[in-house]
Amino acid sequence: MTMMLSGRIAIVTGGLSGIGAATVARFADEGATVIAADLAAAQDGLQAAGAAFHYKTDVADAASVARLVDAVVARFGRIDILVNAAGIGRDVPFLETSEELFDRMLAVNLRGTFLIGQAVARQMVAAGGGRIINIASISGRRGNAGRTAYGASKGGVVTLSEVMAIELAAHNILVNVIAPGPIDTSLAQQMHTPAARQRWIALTPLGRYGSPEEVAGAAAFLAGPDASYMTGHVLHVDGGLLAGGMLPERTAIP
C-alpha cells in the first residue's frame, strides 16, 4: 500500500480525542511522524506513544505553543503539516452566553488556531513550504441556535484561514479548512441531547452523524499530494447538511 504521507512531520492539536485522535491515527497509517499536541497529555516534552508522540500543549497560551514548536523542530528539523483540531464547544442561548464563556471559546478555538498557525507557518516559510488544515464547523458557515460563542469562533477560523491562504501562498504553504457537520465525538455527545441528535439527523441528507475517521480521511487528502492545487478552500464534511433545503419525508434511512 502506498503511504501518501511517508516521511512527513505532522502536528495535530487536540490529538488525544475525537477528530484529532482519528487524524493522528490516519496520518500514522499513511507513514507520517505525528505529534499529538493536547492539553490532556501527561507532561511537557515529546513522549513516544506507539506510532506517534504526545506533547502537552495549551493552544491558547503563546508560551506553550512556542515550546511545542521548538521541541518538534529541535527533534525532527522541520514541520510539514499542521492540523488544528483542538476545540471546545457548548450550546448556550445568545441571551444567556456569559462574557467568560464567549472569551474562553474564542481563546481556544480562534486564538489557538492563530497562535499555533503563525508559529508553525514561520517554520514552514524557512523550510520552503507546508500544509495547514484548520478544523472549523458548519456552525461557522451558517447560524445555528445556541452557537453564539462556538459559531463566532468557528466563523473566525474560516476567515482567518482564507487570509492565511492568500498571504502564505507565495511561500508554498497551502491552508485549507474542514467544516464538519454533526460528527459522533465525545464533544458532540456532551453538547447534543437525544432530541437534538434526532433534529441533526433529520436535517442531514445522509441521515446520520459522521465519524471522526471520515473527517480524518478528508484531512489526509488535504495533506497529501492530490491536494497540491488547493488553498483557501472550505471542505464541508457534513453529510450534505449545508446544502440541504427542504428534505422529503423519509420512510427509511439507508
C-alpha atoms as a PDB file:
ATOM      1  CA  MET A   1       0.000   0.000   0.000  1.00  0.00           C
ATOM      2  CA  THR A   2       1.267   3.471  -0.902  1.00  0.00           C
ATOM      3  CA  MET A   3       1.602   5.690   2.158  1.00  0.00           C
ATOM      4  CA  MET A   4       0.949   9.179   0.859  1.00  0.00           C
ATOM      5  CA  LEU A   5       2.389  10.981   3.905  1.00  0.00           C
ATOM      6  CA  SER A   6       5.533   8.909   4.213  1.00  0.00           C
ATOM      7  CA  GLY A   7       8.373  10.839   5.849  1.00  0.00           C
ATOM      8  CA  ARG A   8       6.234  13.848   6.733  1.00  0.00           C
ATOM      9  CA  ILE A   9       6.344  15.518  10.154  1.00  0.00           C
ATOM     10  CA  ALA A  10       2.864  16.468  11.338  1.00  0.00           C
ATOM     11  CA  ILE A  11       1.447  18.208  14.403  1.00  0.00           C
ATOM     12  CA  VAL A  12      -2.200  17.573  15.268  1.00  0.00           C
ATOM     13  CA  THR A  13      -3.644  19.728  18.043  1.00  0.00           C
ATOM     14  CA  GLY A  14      -6.384  18.187  20.117  1.00  0.00           C
ATOM     15  CA  GLY A  15      -4.761  14.946  19.088  1.00  0.00           C
ATOM     16  CA  LEU A  16      -5.854  12.759  22.007  1.00  0.00           C
ATOM     17  CA  SER A  17      -9.601  12.721  21.371  1.00  0.00           C
ATOM     18  CA  GLY A  18     -12.274  12.927  18.700  1.00  0.00           C
ATOM     19  CA  ILE A  19     -11.334  14.202  15.258  1.00  0.00           C
ATOM     20  CA  GLY A  20      -7.792  14.932  16.408  1.00  0.00           C
ATOM     21  CA  ALA A  21      -7.166  11.377  17.620  1.00  0.00           C
ATOM     22  CA  ALA A  22      -8.628   9.920  14.422  1.00  0.00           C
ATOM     23  CA  THR A  23      -6.376  12.206  12.400  1.00  0.00           C
ATOM     24  CA  VAL A  24      -3.296  11.161  14.364  1.00  0.00           C
ATOM     25  CA  ALA A  25      -4.105   7.508  13.664  1.00  0.00           C
ATOM     26  CA  ARG A  26      -4.801   8.103   9.975  1.00  0.00           C
ATOM     27  CA  PHE A  27      -1.640  10.146   9.429  1.00  0.00           C
ATOM     28  CA  ALA A  28       0.444   7.495  11.189  1.00  0.00           C
ATOM     29  CA  ASP A  29      -1.112   4.847   8.947  1.00  0.00           C
ATOM     30  CA  GLU A  30      -0.134   6.995   5.966  1.00  0.00           C
ATOM     31  CA  GLY A  31       3.502   6.982   7.077  1.00  0.00           C
ATOM     32  CA  ALA A  32       3.800  10.356   8.818  1.00  0.00           C
ATOM     33  CA  THR A  33       5.573  11.029  12.099  1.00  0.00           C
ATOM     34  CA  VAL A  34       2.771  12.569  14.141  1.00  0.00           C
ATOM     35  CA  ILE A  35       2.882  14.717  17.263  1.00  0.00           C
ATOM     36  CA  ALA A  36      -0.410  14.802  19.163  1.00  0.00           C
ATOM     37  CA  ALA A  37      -0.450  18.172  20.936  1.00  0.00           C
ATOM     38  CA  ASP A  38      -3.119  18.167  23.609  1.00  0.00           C
ATOM     39  CA  LEU A  39      -3.844  19.708  26.989  1.00  0.00           C
ATOM     40  CA  ALA A  40      -4.615  16.203  28.261  1.00  0.00           C
ATOM     41  CA  ALA A  41      -1.114  14.873  27.583  1.00  0.00           C
ATOM     42  CA  ALA A  42       0.711  13.742  30.708  1.00  0.00           C
ATOM     43  CA  GLN A  43       3.580  16.245  30.695  1.00  0.00           C
ATOM     44  CA  ASP A  44       5.599  18.714  28.661  1.00  0.00           C
ATOM     45  CA  GLY A  45       8.123  17.155  26.323  1.00  0.00           C
ATOM     46  CA  LEU A  46       7.918  14.758  23.407  1.00  0.00           C
ATOM     47  CA  GLN A  47       6.708  11.413  24.726  1.00  0.00           C
ATOM     48  CA  ALA A  48       6.703   8.425  22.368  1.00  0.00           C
ATOM     49  CA  ALA A  49       3.277   6.765  22.221  1.00  0.00           C
ATOM     50  CA  GLY A  50       3.096   3.929  19.721  1.00  0.00           C
ATOM     51  CA  ALA A  51       3.159   5.320  16.200  1.00  0.00           C
ATOM     52  CA  ALA A  52       3.011   8.910  17.440  1.00  0.00           C
ATOM     53  CA  PHE A  53       4.374  11.332  20.039  1.00  0.00           C
ATOM     54  CA  HIS A  54       2.488  13.285  22.685  1.00  0.00           C
ATOM     55  CA  TYR A  55       3.236  16.824  23.838  1.00  0.00           C
ATOM     56  CA  LYS A  56       1.238  18.667  26.483  1.00  0.00           C
ATOM     57  CA  THR A  57       0.094  21.931  24.919  1.00  0.00           C
ATOM     58  CA  ASP A  58      -2.355  24.711  25.705  1.00  0.00           C
ATOM     59  CA  VAL A  59      -3.056  26.171  22.269  1.00  0.00           C
ATOM     60  CA  ALA A  60      -4.469  29.346  23.822  1.00  0.00           C
ATOM     61  CA  ASP A  61      -1.128  30.099  25.512  1.00  0.00           C
ATOM     62  CA  ALA A  62       1.627  31.525  23.316  1.00  0.00           C
ATOM     63  CA  ALA A  63       4.457  30.251  25.520  1.00  0.00           C
ATOM     64  CA  SER A  64       3.059  26.714  25.487  1.00  0.00           C
ATOM     65  CA  VAL A  65       2.735  26.824  21.708  1.00  0.00           C
ATOM     66  CA  ALA A  66       6.311  28.101  21.342  1.00  0.00           C
ATOM     67  CA  ARG A  67       7.633  25.233  23.483  1.00  0.00           C
ATOM     68  CA  LEU A  68       5.833  22.706  21.305  1.00  0.00           C
ATOM     69  CA  VAL A  69       7.095  24.141  18.018  1.00  0.00           C
ATOM     70  CA  ASP A  70      10.659  24.491  19.317  1.00  0.00           C
ATOM     71  CA  ALA A  71      10.656  20.897  20.589  1.00  0.00           C
ATOM     72  CA  VAL A  72       9.378  19.461  17.316  1.00  0.00           C
ATOM     73  CA  VAL A  73      11.842  21.433  15.190  1.00  0.00           C
ATOM     74  CA  ALA A  74      14.715  20.516  17.531  1.00  0.00           C
ATOM     75  CA  ARG A  75      13.838  16.813  17.300  1.00  0.00           C
ATOM     76  CA  PHE A  76      12.817  16.481  13.639  1.00  0.00           C
ATOM     77  CA  GLY A  77      14.238  19.568  11.921  1.00  0.00           C
ATOM     78  CA  ARG A  78      11.012  20.788  10.367  1.00  0.00           C
ATOM     79  CA  ILE A  79       7.191  20.701  10.423  1.00  0.00           C
ATOM     80  CA  ASP A  80       5.476  19.665   7.182  1.00  0.00           C
ATOM     81  CA  ILE A  81       1.832  19.509   8.255  1.00  0.00           C
ATOM     82  CA  LEU A  82      -0.288  21.177  10.924  1.00  0.00           C
ATOM     83  CA  VAL A  83      -3.856  20.139  11.704  1.00  0.00           C
ATOM     84  CA  ASN A  84      -5.653  22.411  14.156  1.00  0.00           C
ATOM     85  CA  ALA A  85      -8.280  20.144  15.691  1.00  0.00           C
ATOM     86  CA  ALA A  86      -8.209  21.438  19.287  1.00  0.00           C
ATOM     87  CA  GLY A  87     -11.518  22.958  20.231  1.00  0.00           C
ATOM     88  CA  ILE A  88     -14.237  23.311  22.842  1.00  0.00           C
ATOM     89  CA  GLY A  89     -17.968  23.831  22.472  1.00  0.00           C
ATOM     90  CA  ARG A  90     -21.204  24.397  24.347  1.00  0.00           C
ATOM     91  CA  ASP A  91     -24.769  25.103  23.299  1.00  0.00           C
ATOM     92  CA  VAL A  92     -25.921  28.212  25.170  1.00  0.00           C
ATOM     93  CA  PRO A  93     -28.636  30.660  24.014  1.00  0.00           C
ATOM     94  CA  PHE A  94     -27.449  34.110  22.938  1.00  0.00           C
ATOM     95  CA  LEU A  95     -29.103  35.934  25.863  1.00  0.00           C
ATOM     96  CA  GLU A  96     -27.558  33.514  28.342  1.00  0.00           C
ATOM     97  CA  THR A  97     -23.997  33.483  26.955  1.00  0.00           C
ATOM     98  CA  SER A  98     -21.592  34.935  29.504  1.00  0.00           C
ATOM     99  CA  GLU A  99     -18.531  37.010  28.722  1.00  0.00           C
ATOM    100  CA  GLU A 100     -16.393  34.303  30.299  1.00  0.00           C
ATOM    101  CA  LEU A 101     -17.791  31.586  28.049  1.00  0.00           C
ATOM    102  CA  PHE A 102     -17.504  33.758  24.954  1.00  0.00           C
ATOM    103  CA  ASP A 103     -13.905  34.707  25.750  1.00  0.00           C
ATOM    104  CA  ARG A 104     -12.862  31.120  26.545  1.00  0.00           C
ATOM    105  CA  MET A 105     -14.423  29.734  23.371  1.00  0.00           C
ATOM    106  CA  LEU A 106     -12.617  32.287  21.220  1.00  0.00           C
ATOM    107  CA  ALA A 107      -9.374  31.787  23.148  1.00  0.00           C
ATOM    108  CA  VAL A 108      -9.205  28.068  22.396  1.00  0.00           C
ATOM    109  CA  ASN A 109     -10.949  27.803  19.031  1.00  0.00           C
ATOM    110  CA  LEU A 110      -9.804  31.003  17.312  1.00  0.00           C
ATOM    111  CA  ARG A 111      -6.834  32.424  19.224  1.00  0.00           C
ATOM    112  CA  GLY A 112      -5.368  28.928  19.478  1.00  0.00           C
ATOM    113  CA  THR A 113      -5.640  28.436  15.720  1.00  0.00           C
ATOM    114  CA  PHE A 114      -3.948  31.790  15.172  1.00  0.00           C
ATOM    115  CA  LEU A 115      -1.130  31.229  17.662  1.00  0.00           C
ATOM    116  CA  ILE A 116       0.000  27.816  16.523  1.00  0.00           C
ATOM    117  CA  GLY A 117      -0.753  28.569  12.883  1.00  0.00           C
ATOM    118  CA  GLN A 118       1.551  31.575  12.975  1.00  0.00           C
ATOM    119  CA  ALA A 119       4.305  29.789  14.896  1.00  0.00           C
ATOM    120  CA  VAL A 120       4.289  26.789  12.561  1.00  0.00           C
ATOM    121  CA  ALA A 121       3.955  28.911   9.422  1.00  0.00           C
ATOM    122  CA  ARG A 122       7.143  30.775  10.342  1.00  0.00           C
ATOM    123  CA  GLN A 123       8.965  27.436  10.423  1.00  0.00           C
ATOM    124  CA  MET A 124       7.358  26.396   7.140  1.00  0.00           C
ATOM    125  CA  VAL A 125       8.485  29.611   5.461  1.00  0.00           C
ATOM    126  CA  ALA A 126      12.066  28.833   6.431  1.00  0.00           C
ATOM    127  CA  ALA A 127      11.689  25.235   5.223  1.00  0.00           C
ATOM    128  CA  GLY A 128      10.122  26.159   1.875  1.00  0.00           C
ATOM    129  CA  GLY A 129       6.503  25.159   2.347  1.00  0.00           C
ATOM    130  CA  GLY A 130       3.930  23.018   4.115  1.00  0.00           C
ATOM    131  CA  ARG A 131       0.258  22.296   4.704  1.00  0.00           C
ATOM    132  CA  ILE A 132      -2.040  23.779   7.338  1.00  0.00           C
ATOM    133  CA  ILE A 133      -5.501  22.347   7.867  1.00  0.00           C
ATOM    134  CA  ASN A 134      -7.824  24.141  10.264  1.00  0.00           C
ATOM    135  CA  ILE A 135     -10.915  22.402  11.630  1.00  0.00           C
ATOM    136  CA  ALA A 136     -13.896  24.754  11.685  1.00  0.00           C
ATOM    137  CA  SER A 137     -17.572  23.706  11.656  1.00  0.00           C
ATOM    138  CA  ILE A 138     -20.718  24.173   9.663  1.00  0.00           C
ATOM    139  CA  SER A 139     -21.688  26.347  12.639  1.00  0.00           C
ATOM    140  CA  GLY A 140     -19.077  28.751  11.315  1.00  0.00           C
ATOM    141  CA  ARG A 141     -20.843  28.763   7.927  1.00  0.00           C
ATOM    142  CA  ARG A 142     -24.465  29.244   8.990  1.00  0.00           C
ATOM    143  CA  GLY A 143     -26.314  30.368  12.080  1.00  0.00           C
ATOM    144  CA  ASN A 144     -27.322  27.619  14.490  1.00  0.00           C
ATOM    145  CA  ALA A 145     -29.321  28.263  17.648  1.00  0.00           C
ATOM    146  CA  GLY A 146     -27.222  28.082  20.794  1.00  0.00           C
ATOM    147  CA  ARG A 147     -23.964  28.621  18.919  1.00  0.00           C
ATOM    148  CA  THR A 148     -23.233  32.276  19.772  1.00  0.00           C
ATOM    149  CA  ALA A 149     -19.706  31.691  21.030  1.00  0.00           C
ATOM    150  CA  TYR A 150     -18.944  28.463  19.174  1.00  0.00           C
ATOM    151  CA  GLY A 151     -20.252  29.718  15.841  1.00  0.00           C
ATOM    152  CA  ALA A 152     -18.440  33.035  16.161  1.00  0.00           C
ATOM    153  CA  SER A 153     -15.163  31.247  16.914  1.00  0.00           C
ATOM    154  CA  LYS A 154     -15.509  28.815  14.018  1.00  0.00           C
ATOM    155  CA  GLY A 155     -16.592  31.543  11.592  1.00  0.00           C
ATOM    156  CA  GLY A 156     -13.441  33.356  12.618  1.00  0.00           C
ATOM    157  CA  VAL A 157     -11.391  30.243  11.853  1.00  0.00           C
ATOM    158  CA  VAL A 158     -12.777  30.200   8.299  1.00  0.00           C
ATOM    159  CA  THR A 159     -11.912  33.839   7.621  1.00  0.00           C
ATOM    160  CA  LEU A 160      -8.526  33.574   9.346  1.00  0.00           C
ATOM    161  CA  SER A 161      -7.711  30.563   7.175  1.00  0.00           C
ATOM    162  CA  GLU A 162      -8.628  32.372   3.979  1.00  0.00           C
ATOM    163  CA  VAL A 163      -6.331  35.261   4.907  1.00  0.00           C
ATOM    164  CA  MET A 164      -3.557  32.813   5.772  1.00  0.00           C
ATOM    165  CA  ALA A 165      -4.016  31.055   2.433  1.00  0.00           C
ATOM    166  CA  ILE A 166      -3.674  34.295   0.486  1.00  0.00           C
ATOM    167  CA  GLU A 167      -0.626  35.565   2.349  1.00  0.00           C
ATOM    168  CA  LEU A 168       1.213  32.247   2.641  1.00  0.00           C
ATOM    169  CA  ALA A 169       0.719  31.055  -0.933  1.00  0.00           C
ATOM    170  CA  ALA A 170       3.920  32.800  -2.024  1.00  0.00           C
ATOM    171  CA  HIS A 171       5.797  30.604   0.480  1.00  0.00           C
ATOM    172  CA  ASN A 172       4.304  27.350  -0.874  1.00  0.00           C
ATOM    173  CA  ILE A 173       2.176  26.922   2.253  1.00  0.00           C
ATOM    174  CA  LEU A 174      -1.318  25.652   1.477  1.00  0.00           C
ATOM    175  CA  VAL A 175      -4.013  26.484   4.028  1.00  0.00           C
ATOM    176  CA  ASN A 176      -7.404  24.809   3.904  1.00  0.00           C
ATOM    177  CA  VAL A 177     -10.388  24.315   6.202  1.00  0.00           C
ATOM    178  CA  ILE A 178     -12.532  21.333   7.063  1.00  0.00           C
ATOM    179  CA  ALA A 179     -16.014  22.278   8.255  1.00  0.00           C
ATOM    180  CA  PRO A 180     -17.583  19.168   9.785  1.00  0.00           C
ATOM    181  CA  GLY A 181     -21.279  18.735  10.328  1.00  0.00           C
ATOM    182  CA  PRO A 182     -22.576  16.525  13.142  1.00  0.00           C
ATOM    183  CA  ILE A 183     -19.731  14.133  13.996  1.00  0.00           C
ATOM    184  CA  ASP A 184     -20.051  11.452  16.667  1.00  0.00           C
ATOM    185  CA  THR A 185     -17.330  12.657  19.022  1.00  0.00           C
ATOM    186  CA  SER A 186     -17.355  12.863  22.813  1.00  0.00           C
ATOM    187  CA  LEU A 187     -17.808  16.649  22.471  1.00  0.00           C
ATOM    188  CA  ALA A 188     -20.924  16.187  20.331  1.00  0.00           C
ATOM    189  CA  GLN A 189     -22.259  13.621  22.785  1.00  0.00           C
ATOM    190  CA  GLN A 190     -21.880  16.205  25.556  1.00  0.00           C
ATOM    191  CA  MET A 191     -23.416  19.051  23.541  1.00  0.00           C
ATOM    192  CA  HIS A 192     -26.286  17.231  21.830  1.00  0.00           C
ATOM    193  CA  THR A 193     -29.256  15.951  23.809  1.00  0.00           C
ATOM    194  CA  PRO A 194     -31.133  12.926  22.394  1.00  0.00           C
ATOM    195  CA  ALA A 195     -33.745  15.297  20.976  1.00  0.00           C
ATOM    196  CA  ALA A 196     -31.039  17.468  19.396  1.00  0.00           C
ATOM    197  CA  ARG A 197     -29.452  14.384  17.833  1.00  0.00           C
ATOM    198  CA  GLN A 198     -32.709  13.483  16.173  1.00  0.00           C
ATOM    199  CA  ARG A 199     -33.026  17.021  14.780  1.00  0.00           C
ATOM    200  CA  TRP A 200     -29.479  16.920  13.385  1.00  0.00           C
ATOM    201  CA  ILE A 201     -30.156  13.561  11.758  1.00  0.00           C
ATOM    202  CA  ALA A 202     -33.448  14.788  10.277  1.00  0.00           C
ATOM    203  CA  LEU A 203     -31.713  17.820   8.727  1.00  0.00           C
ATOM    204  CA  THR A 204     -28.804  15.826   7.282  1.00  0.00           C
ATOM    205  CA  PRO A 205     -29.449  14.365   3.813  1.00  0.00           C
ATOM    206  CA  LEU A 206     -27.303  11.302   4.554  1.00  0.00           C
ATOM    207  CA  GLY A 207     -29.432  10.718   7.628  1.00  0.00           C
ATOM    208  CA  ARG A 208     -26.699  10.059  10.186  1.00  0.00           C
ATOM    209  CA  TYR A 209     -23.811  11.512  12.159  1.00  0.00           C
ATOM    210  CA  GLY A 210     -20.387  11.280  10.578  1.00  0.00           C
ATOM    211  CA  SER A 211     -17.441   9.561  12.207  1.00  0.00           C
ATOM    212  CA  PRO A 212     -14.140  11.146  13.289  1.00  0.00           C
ATOM    213  CA  GLU A 213     -12.431   8.807  10.829  1.00  0.00           C
ATOM    214  CA  GLU A 214     -14.365  10.336   7.940  1.00  0.00           C
ATOM    215  CA  VAL A 215     -13.064  13.780   8.861  1.00  0.00           C
ATOM    216  CA  ALA A 216      -9.562  12.348   9.261  1.00  0.00           C
ATOM    217  CA  GLY A 217      -9.808  10.993   5.719  1.00  0.00           C
ATOM    218  CA  ALA A 218     -10.524  14.492   4.435  1.00  0.00           C
ATOM    219  CA  ALA A 219      -7.546  15.810   6.396  1.00  0.00           C
ATOM    220  CA  ALA A 220      -5.301  13.128   4.883  1.00  0.00           C
ATOM    221  CA  PHE A 221      -6.444  14.159   1.411  1.00  0.00           C
ATOM    222  CA  LEU A 222      -5.727  17.851   2.063  1.00  0.00           C
ATOM    223  CA  ALA A 223      -2.307  16.964   3.493  1.00  0.00           C
ATOM    224  CA  GLY A 224      -1.419  14.708   0.574  1.00  0.00           C
ATOM    225  CA  PRO A 225      -0.164  15.105  -2.984  1.00  0.00           C
ATOM    226  CA  ASP A 226      -3.598  15.126  -4.640  1.00  0.00           C
ATOM    227  CA  ALA A 227      -4.473  18.472  -2.991  1.00  0.00           C
ATOM    228  CA  SER A 228      -1.429  20.309  -4.353  1.00  0.00           C
ATOM    229  CA  TYR A 229      -3.543  22.952  -6.165  1.00  0.00           C
ATOM    230  CA  MET A 230      -5.960  23.626  -3.309  1.00  0.00           C
ATOM    231  CA  THR A 231      -5.627  26.524  -0.905  1.00  0.00           C
ATOM    232  CA  GLY A 232      -8.180  28.776   0.786  1.00  0.00           C
ATOM    233  CA  HIS A 233     -10.794  26.048   0.347  1.00  0.00           C
ATOM    234  CA  VAL A 234     -13.502  25.091   2.865  1.00  0.00           C
ATOM    235  CA  LEU A 235     -14.291  21.391   2.609  1.00  0.00           C
ATOM    236  CA  HIS A 236     -17.656  20.518   4.134  1.00  0.00           C
ATOM    237  CA  VAL A 237     -17.692  17.043   5.660  1.00  0.00           C
ATOM    238  CA  ASP A 238     -21.297  17.286   6.737  1.00  0.00           C
ATOM    239  CA  GLY A 239     -23.436  14.625   5.090  1.00  0.00           C
ATOM    240  CA  GLY A 240     -24.961  17.295   2.845  1.00  0.00           C
ATOM    241  CA  LEU A 241     -26.266  19.364   5.760  1.00  0.00           C
ATOM    242  CA  LEU A 242     -25.119  22.757   4.499  1.00  0.00           C
ATOM    243  CA  ALA A 243     -26.549  22.098   1.044  1.00  0.00           C
ATOM    244  CA  GLY A 244     -29.800  20.654   2.398  1.00  0.00           C
ATOM    245  CA  GLY A 245     -33.035  22.513   1.928  1.00  0.00           C
ATOM    246  CA  MET A 246     -36.500  21.064   2.397  1.00  0.00           C
ATOM    247  CA  LEU A 247     -35.898  17.326   2.693  1.00  0.00           C
ATOM    248  CA  PRO A 248     -38.529  14.838   1.588  1.00  0.00           C
ATOM    249  CA  GLU A 249     -40.127  12.861   4.386  1.00  0.00           C
ATOM    250  CA  ARG A 250     -38.183   9.705   4.989  1.00  0.00           C
ATOM    251  CA  THR A 251     -39.770   6.325   5.443  1.00  0.00           C
ATOM    252  CA  ALA A 252     -36.373   4.735   5.895  1.00  0.00           C
ATOM    253  CA  ILE A 253     -32.796   5.903   6.271  1.00  0.00           C
ATOM    254  CA  PRO A 254     -30.279   3.812   4.325  1.00  0.00           C
END
